[in-house]
N, C-alpha and C. Protein backbone atom coordinates (compact mmCIF):
# COMPACT_ATOMS: atom_id res chain seq x y z
N MET A 1 88.61 128.87 87.79
CA MET A 1 88.34 127.45 87.67
C MET A 1 87.30 127.26 86.56
N ASN A 2 87.62 126.36 85.62
CA ASN A 2 86.67 126.06 84.55
C ASN A 2 85.76 124.93 84.98
N GLU A 3 84.50 125.20 84.95
CA GLU A 3 83.53 124.16 85.26
C GLU A 3 82.64 123.96 84.05
N THR A 4 82.44 122.72 83.68
CA THR A 4 81.59 122.39 82.56
C THR A 4 80.42 121.58 83.07
N THR A 5 79.25 121.94 82.62
CA THR A 5 78.05 121.22 83.02
C THR A 5 77.55 120.40 81.84
N PHE A 6 77.30 119.12 82.09
CA PHE A 6 76.74 118.23 81.08
C PHE A 6 75.37 117.78 81.54
N ILE A 7 74.47 117.72 80.61
CA ILE A 7 73.13 117.18 80.90
C ILE A 7 72.95 115.98 79.99
N THR A 8 72.59 114.87 80.60
CA THR A 8 72.42 113.64 79.83
C THR A 8 71.32 112.80 80.45
N THR A 9 70.92 111.79 79.75
CA THR A 9 69.93 110.86 80.27
C THR A 9 70.60 109.51 80.44
N LEU A 10 70.45 108.95 81.65
CA LEU A 10 71.02 107.64 81.96
C LEU A 10 69.92 106.70 82.40
N SER A 11 70.08 105.45 82.03
CA SER A 11 69.16 104.44 82.55
C SER A 11 69.53 104.18 84.00
N THR A 12 68.66 103.50 84.71
CA THR A 12 68.95 103.15 86.11
C THR A 12 70.22 102.32 86.21
N ASP A 13 70.39 101.35 85.31
CA ASP A 13 71.59 100.51 85.32
C ASP A 13 72.84 101.32 85.02
N GLN A 14 72.75 102.24 84.08
CA GLN A 14 73.91 103.07 83.76
C GLN A 14 74.29 103.96 84.95
N LEU A 15 73.29 104.51 85.62
CA LEU A 15 73.56 105.35 86.79
C LEU A 15 74.20 104.53 87.91
N LYS A 16 73.66 103.32 88.15
CA LYS A 16 74.24 102.45 89.17
C LYS A 16 75.69 102.12 88.85
N GLU A 17 75.97 101.82 87.58
CA GLU A 17 77.32 101.48 87.16
C GLU A 17 78.26 102.68 87.33
N LEU A 18 77.79 103.87 86.97
CA LEU A 18 78.59 105.08 87.11
C LEU A 18 78.91 105.36 88.58
N ILE A 19 77.91 105.24 89.44
CA ILE A 19 78.12 105.48 90.87
C ILE A 19 79.07 104.43 91.45
N GLU A 20 78.86 103.17 91.09
CA GLU A 20 79.72 102.10 91.61
C GLU A 20 81.17 102.30 91.19
N SER A 21 81.40 102.62 89.93
CA SER A 21 82.78 102.81 89.48
C SER A 21 83.41 104.05 90.12
N SER A 22 82.62 105.09 90.34
CA SER A 22 83.14 106.30 90.99
C SER A 22 83.53 106.02 92.43
N VAL A 23 82.70 105.27 93.14
CA VAL A 23 83.01 104.93 94.54
C VAL A 23 84.24 104.04 94.60
N LYS A 24 84.34 103.06 93.71
CA LYS A 24 85.52 102.18 93.70
C LYS A 24 86.79 102.98 93.43
N ASN A 25 86.72 103.93 92.51
CA ASN A 25 87.89 104.76 92.23
C ASN A 25 88.22 105.63 93.43
N ALA A 26 87.22 106.14 94.10
CA ALA A 26 87.45 107.03 95.25
C ALA A 26 88.11 106.30 96.41
N VAL A 27 87.75 105.06 96.65
CA VAL A 27 88.32 104.30 97.77
C VAL A 27 89.34 103.27 97.32
N ARG A 28 89.68 103.31 96.05
CA ARG A 28 90.68 102.40 95.47
C ARG A 28 90.39 100.94 95.77
N VAL A 29 89.19 100.52 95.55
CA VAL A 29 88.82 99.12 95.76
C VAL A 29 89.00 98.37 94.46
N ASN A 30 89.68 97.24 94.55
CA ASN A 30 89.85 96.37 93.40
C ASN A 30 88.98 95.15 93.62
N PRO A 31 87.89 95.01 92.84
CA PRO A 31 86.98 93.88 93.08
C PRO A 31 87.63 92.52 92.89
N ASN A 32 88.75 92.46 92.18
CA ASN A 32 89.43 91.18 91.95
C ASN A 32 90.52 90.91 92.97
N SER A 33 90.72 91.83 93.92
CA SER A 33 91.81 91.63 94.86
C SER A 33 91.44 90.61 95.92
N ASN A 34 92.43 89.89 96.34
CA ASN A 34 92.27 88.88 97.37
C ASN A 34 92.70 89.52 98.69
N PRO A 35 91.91 89.38 99.76
CA PRO A 35 92.31 89.97 101.04
C PRO A 35 93.68 89.50 101.52
N GLN A 36 94.14 88.34 101.01
CA GLN A 36 95.44 87.82 101.40
C GLN A 36 96.58 88.50 100.64
N ASP A 37 96.25 89.23 99.55
CA ASP A 37 97.27 89.94 98.79
C ASP A 37 97.86 91.06 99.64
N ASP A 38 99.13 91.33 99.41
CA ASP A 38 99.78 92.42 100.13
C ASP A 38 99.54 93.72 99.37
N THR A 39 99.52 94.81 100.10
CA THR A 39 99.32 96.13 99.52
C THR A 39 100.37 97.06 100.08
N LEU A 40 100.89 97.92 99.23
CA LEU A 40 101.81 98.94 99.71
C LEU A 40 101.03 100.16 100.12
N LEU A 41 101.36 100.70 101.28
CA LEU A 41 100.67 101.85 101.82
C LEU A 41 101.63 103.03 101.90
N ASP A 42 101.09 104.24 101.69
CA ASP A 42 101.91 105.42 101.92
C ASP A 42 101.88 105.73 103.42
N THR A 43 102.56 106.78 103.82
CA THR A 43 102.70 107.09 105.24
C THR A 43 101.36 107.33 105.92
N LYS A 44 100.50 108.10 105.28
CA LYS A 44 99.20 108.42 105.87
C LYS A 44 98.33 107.16 106.01
N GLU A 45 98.33 106.32 104.97
CA GLU A 45 97.55 105.08 105.02
C GLU A 45 98.08 104.13 106.09
N ALA A 46 99.41 104.04 106.20
CA ALA A 46 100.02 103.17 107.20
C ALA A 46 99.70 103.66 108.61
N ALA A 47 99.80 104.95 108.83
CA ALA A 47 99.48 105.52 110.15
C ALA A 47 98.02 105.24 110.50
N ASN A 48 97.15 105.39 109.55
CA ASN A 48 95.73 105.13 109.77
C ASN A 48 95.49 103.66 110.10
N LEU A 49 96.16 102.76 109.38
CA LEU A 49 95.99 101.32 109.60
C LEU A 49 96.36 100.92 111.02
N ILE A 50 97.48 101.45 111.52
CA ILE A 50 97.95 101.03 112.84
C ILE A 50 97.55 102.01 113.94
N LYS A 51 96.74 103.00 113.59
CA LYS A 51 96.19 103.97 114.56
C LYS A 51 97.28 104.78 115.25
N TYR A 52 98.27 105.22 114.48
CA TYR A 52 99.33 106.09 114.97
C TYR A 52 99.22 107.44 114.29
N GLU A 53 99.77 108.45 114.93
CA GLU A 53 99.90 109.75 114.28
C GLU A 53 101.03 109.63 113.25
N VAL A 54 100.93 110.39 112.16
CA VAL A 54 101.95 110.35 111.12
C VAL A 54 103.32 110.72 111.70
N THR A 55 103.36 111.72 112.57
CA THR A 55 104.65 112.12 113.16
C THR A 55 105.26 110.99 113.99
N SER A 56 104.44 110.22 114.69
CA SER A 56 104.93 109.08 115.46
C SER A 56 105.48 108.00 114.53
N LEU A 57 104.82 107.82 113.40
CA LEU A 57 105.27 106.83 112.41
C LEU A 57 106.65 107.22 111.87
N TYR A 58 106.84 108.51 111.58
CA TYR A 58 108.14 108.98 111.11
C TYR A 58 109.22 108.70 112.16
N GLY A 59 108.90 108.89 113.44
CA GLY A 59 109.85 108.62 114.50
C GLY A 59 110.24 107.15 114.54
N LEU A 60 109.26 106.26 114.35
CA LEU A 60 109.54 104.82 114.33
C LEU A 60 110.43 104.45 113.14
N VAL A 61 110.17 105.10 112.00
CA VAL A 61 110.99 104.86 110.81
C VAL A 61 112.41 105.33 111.07
N LYS A 62 112.55 106.51 111.63
CA LYS A 62 113.87 107.08 111.90
C LYS A 62 114.69 106.16 112.80
N ARG A 63 114.03 105.55 113.79
CA ARG A 63 114.71 104.64 114.71
C ARG A 63 114.71 103.20 114.21
N LYS A 64 114.18 103.00 113.00
CA LYS A 64 114.12 101.65 112.38
C LYS A 64 113.42 100.64 113.27
N LYS A 65 112.30 101.07 113.87
CA LYS A 65 111.53 100.22 114.77
C LYS A 65 110.31 99.61 114.08
N ILE A 66 110.09 99.95 112.81
CA ILE A 66 108.90 99.50 112.09
C ILE A 66 109.32 99.09 110.69
N PRO A 67 108.69 98.06 110.12
CA PRO A 67 109.08 97.64 108.76
C PRO A 67 108.64 98.67 107.72
N PHE A 68 109.57 99.05 106.86
CA PHE A 68 109.28 100.01 105.80
C PHE A 68 110.29 99.84 104.68
N CYS A 69 110.02 100.46 103.54
CA CYS A 69 111.00 100.56 102.47
C CYS A 69 110.92 101.97 101.91
N LYS A 70 111.96 102.38 101.26
CA LYS A 70 112.03 103.71 100.68
C LYS A 70 112.31 103.56 99.20
N VAL A 71 111.43 104.11 98.37
CA VAL A 71 111.59 104.03 96.93
C VAL A 71 111.64 105.46 96.40
N GLU A 72 112.80 105.83 95.86
CA GLU A 72 113.01 107.18 95.33
C GLU A 72 112.57 108.25 96.32
N GLY A 73 112.93 108.05 97.58
CA GLY A 73 112.63 109.03 98.62
C GLY A 73 111.25 108.92 99.24
N LYS A 74 110.41 108.04 98.72
CA LYS A 74 109.06 107.89 99.24
C LYS A 74 108.98 106.68 100.17
N LEU A 75 108.45 106.90 101.37
CA LEU A 75 108.28 105.81 102.32
C LEU A 75 107.07 104.96 101.92
N LEU A 76 107.26 103.66 101.92
CA LEU A 76 106.18 102.73 101.64
C LEU A 76 106.19 101.65 102.72
N PHE A 77 105.00 101.14 103.01
CA PHE A 77 104.83 100.14 104.06
C PHE A 77 104.01 98.99 103.51
N SER A 78 104.45 97.77 103.81
CA SER A 78 103.69 96.57 103.45
C SER A 78 102.57 96.40 104.46
N ARG A 79 101.35 96.28 103.98
CA ARG A 79 100.20 96.09 104.87
C ARG A 79 100.38 94.83 105.71
N LYS A 80 100.81 93.74 105.07
CA LYS A 80 101.02 92.47 105.78
C LYS A 80 102.08 92.62 106.87
N GLN A 81 103.19 93.28 106.54
CA GLN A 81 104.26 93.43 107.51
C GLN A 81 103.84 94.31 108.69
N LEU A 82 103.05 95.34 108.42
CA LEU A 82 102.58 96.20 109.51
C LEU A 82 101.65 95.43 110.44
N LEU A 83 100.75 94.64 109.87
CA LEU A 83 99.84 93.85 110.70
C LEU A 83 100.60 92.81 111.51
N ALA A 84 101.62 92.22 110.90
CA ALA A 84 102.45 91.24 111.63
C ALA A 84 103.22 91.94 112.74
N TRP A 85 103.71 93.16 112.47
CA TRP A 85 104.44 93.94 113.47
C TRP A 85 103.55 94.25 114.67
N ILE A 86 102.31 94.65 114.38
CA ILE A 86 101.35 94.92 115.45
C ILE A 86 101.07 93.64 116.23
N SER A 87 100.84 92.54 115.53
CA SER A 87 100.53 91.26 116.18
C SER A 87 101.66 90.78 117.06
N ALA A 88 102.90 91.05 116.64
CA ALA A 88 104.06 90.60 117.41
C ALA A 88 104.20 91.37 118.72
N GLY A 89 103.59 92.54 118.79
CA GLY A 89 103.64 93.32 120.03
C GLY A 89 104.95 94.02 120.27
N ASN A 90 105.82 94.10 119.29
CA ASN A 90 107.11 94.76 119.44
C ASN A 90 107.02 96.24 119.06
N HIS A 91 106.15 96.95 119.73
CA HIS A 91 105.95 98.35 119.40
C HIS A 91 105.55 99.12 120.65
N PRO A 92 105.75 100.43 120.63
CA PRO A 92 105.38 101.25 121.79
C PRO A 92 103.87 101.33 121.95
N ILE A 93 103.44 101.91 123.06
CA ILE A 93 102.01 102.11 123.31
C ILE A 93 101.41 102.91 122.17
N ASN A 94 100.17 102.62 121.82
CA ASN A 94 99.48 103.28 120.72
C ASN A 94 99.63 104.80 120.85
N GLN A 95 100.28 105.40 119.88
CA GLN A 95 100.58 106.82 119.93
C GLN A 95 99.37 107.71 119.69
N LYS A 96 98.31 107.21 119.10
CA LYS A 96 97.14 108.03 118.84
C LYS A 96 96.26 108.09 120.08
N GLN A 97 96.23 107.04 120.86
CA GLN A 97 95.36 107.00 122.01
C GLN A 97 96.06 107.43 123.29
N GLY A 98 97.40 107.57 123.25
CA GLY A 98 98.12 108.00 124.44
C GLY A 98 98.50 106.83 125.32
N ARG A 99 99.01 107.17 126.47
CA ARG A 99 99.47 106.14 127.42
C ARG A 99 98.31 105.61 128.25
N LEU A 100 98.46 104.34 128.65
CA LEU A 100 97.44 103.71 129.49
C LEU A 100 97.71 104.00 130.94
């Protein structure tokens, strides 16, 4: 593994800007996004959003019990549609927490 070390001097504002942009990139935050905007989620993100195990999510997809789309073999989920699906209550008991 090639590792390169750089030494530089940054002002406080430059350091704050560097840290802020790095954190935004790491968590994919768009400062101009509207919470009402829809976002496409991959399988792991969708499972995390609805508190299901990824394997349980695949089972729901296989049985066509959850809203999804497939683009070139990749499963994608609309954040809005998943939240509406959860709100509608048309889903099995939370698979991550087990049965009540």
